């Protein structure tokens, strides 16, 4: 039986507080995001957005020029392990 890709798509973005910039929405990376890592070291920026849904960084922004500590906090949130939500029947792995 085939797996429905919608069942294994990343969860909705979650709000996180990043010192220096405030609340940011972070979504889990998709396979396509990670595959761009070899050609774009700033691939993780596409996983970050403003609370209103707009991109966190304007098109053409030199991501390499942002503060390294803030970038590190964003990268850590993008790559953070998220616990699996328990199933409705109470059984989880």
Protein backbone atom coordinates (compact mmCIF):
# COMPACT_ATOMS: atom_id res chain seq x y z
CA UNK A 1 0.00 0.00 0.00
CA UNK A 2 1.40 3.41 -0.95
CA UNK A 3 1.97 6.12 1.63
CA UNK A 4 0.05 9.36 1.19
CA UNK A 5 2.71 12.13 1.18
CA UNK A 6 0.27 14.42 3.01
CA UNK A 7 0.52 12.09 6.02
CA UNK A 8 4.28 12.59 6.29
CA UNK A 9 4.53 16.26 5.32
CA UNK A 10 6.11 18.65 7.85
CA UNK A 11 3.78 19.90 10.56
CA UNK A 12 2.52 23.46 10.58
CA UNK A 13 5.07 26.10 11.55
CA UNK A 14 5.48 26.85 15.24
CA UNK A 15 6.19 30.16 16.93
CA UNK A 16 9.54 30.56 18.69
CA UNK A 17 11.19 33.51 20.42
CA UNK A 18 14.60 34.45 19.05
CA UNK A 19 16.62 36.94 21.08
CA UNK A 20 17.28 40.02 19.01
CA UNK A 21 14.36 39.63 16.58
CA UNK A 22 11.35 38.40 18.58
CA UNK A 23 8.74 35.86 17.53
CA UNK A 24 9.51 33.90 14.38
CA UNK A 25 7.60 31.07 12.73
CA UNK A 26 9.72 27.98 12.10
CA UNK A 27 8.66 25.07 9.95
CA UNK A 28 10.38 21.71 9.81
CA UNK A 29 12.59 21.27 6.76
CA UNK A 30 11.35 19.24 3.84
CA UNK A 31 13.59 16.88 1.91
CA UNK A 32 13.76 19.45 -0.90
CA UNK A 33 15.10 22.06 1.55
CA UNK A 34 17.88 19.79 2.78
CA UNK A 35 18.86 18.75 -0.74
CA UNK A 36 19.69 22.41 -1.48
CA UNK A 37 22.23 22.51 1.38
CA UNK A 38 25.17 21.54 -0.82
CA UNK A 39 24.60 24.47 -3.17
CA UNK A 40 23.11 26.97 -0.71
CA UNK A 41 24.49 27.13 2.84
CA UNK A 42 21.55 29.35 3.80
CA UNK A 43 18.86 26.82 2.80
CA UNK A 44 17.48 26.93 6.36
CA UNK A 45 16.33 30.54 5.89
CA UNK A 46 13.41 29.30 3.76
CA UNK A 47 12.08 27.53 6.88
CA UNK A 48 11.78 30.84 8.76
CA UNK A 49 8.96 33.35 8.37
CA UNK A 50 7.34 36.26 10.15
CA UNK A 51 4.22 35.74 12.26
CA UNK A 52 2.09 37.15 9.42
CA UNK A 53 3.46 34.47 7.04
CA UNK A 54 5.75 36.75 5.07
CA UNK A 55 9.37 35.66 4.54
CA UNK A 56 11.66 36.50 7.45
CA UNK A 57 14.28 37.77 5.02
CA UNK A 58 13.44 39.88 1.98
CA UNK A 59 14.43 38.43 -1.39
CA UNK A 60 18.02 39.31 -2.17
CA UNK A 61 19.03 39.65 1.49
CA UNK A 62 22.65 38.67 2.11
CA UNK A 63 21.97 36.05 4.78
CA UNK A 64 25.72 35.74 5.35
CA UNK A 65 25.77 39.26 6.77
CA UNK A 66 23.37 38.63 9.68
CA UNK A 67 24.60 38.21 13.25
CA UNK A 68 26.07 34.72 13.74
CA UNK A 69 24.41 34.24 17.13
CA UNK A 70 20.96 35.01 15.71
CA UNK A 71 21.64 32.78 12.69
CA UNK A 72 22.72 30.01 15.05
CA UNK A 73 19.52 30.34 17.07
CA UNK A 74 17.43 30.14 13.87
CA UNK A 75 19.37 27.12 12.58
CA UNK A 76 18.99 25.38 15.95
CA UNK A 77 15.21 25.85 15.80
CA UNK A 78 14.99 24.65 12.20
CA UNK A 79 16.99 21.52 13.06
CA UNK A 80 15.42 20.92 16.50
CA UNK A 81 14.04 17.46 17.18
CA UNK A 82 10.32 17.63 17.76
CA UNK A 83 8.64 14.94 19.86
CA UNK A 84 6.08 12.82 18.05
CA UNK A 85 2.53 13.60 19.10
CA UNK A 86 0.78 10.61 20.65
CA UNK A 87 -1.96 9.04 18.58
CA UNK A 88 -5.58 9.65 19.54
CA UNK A 89 -5.93 6.03 20.71
CA UNK A 90 -3.24 6.58 23.36
CA UNK A 91 -0.61 4.36 21.75
CA UNK A 92 2.64 5.93 20.64
CA UNK A 93 6.09 4.76 19.65
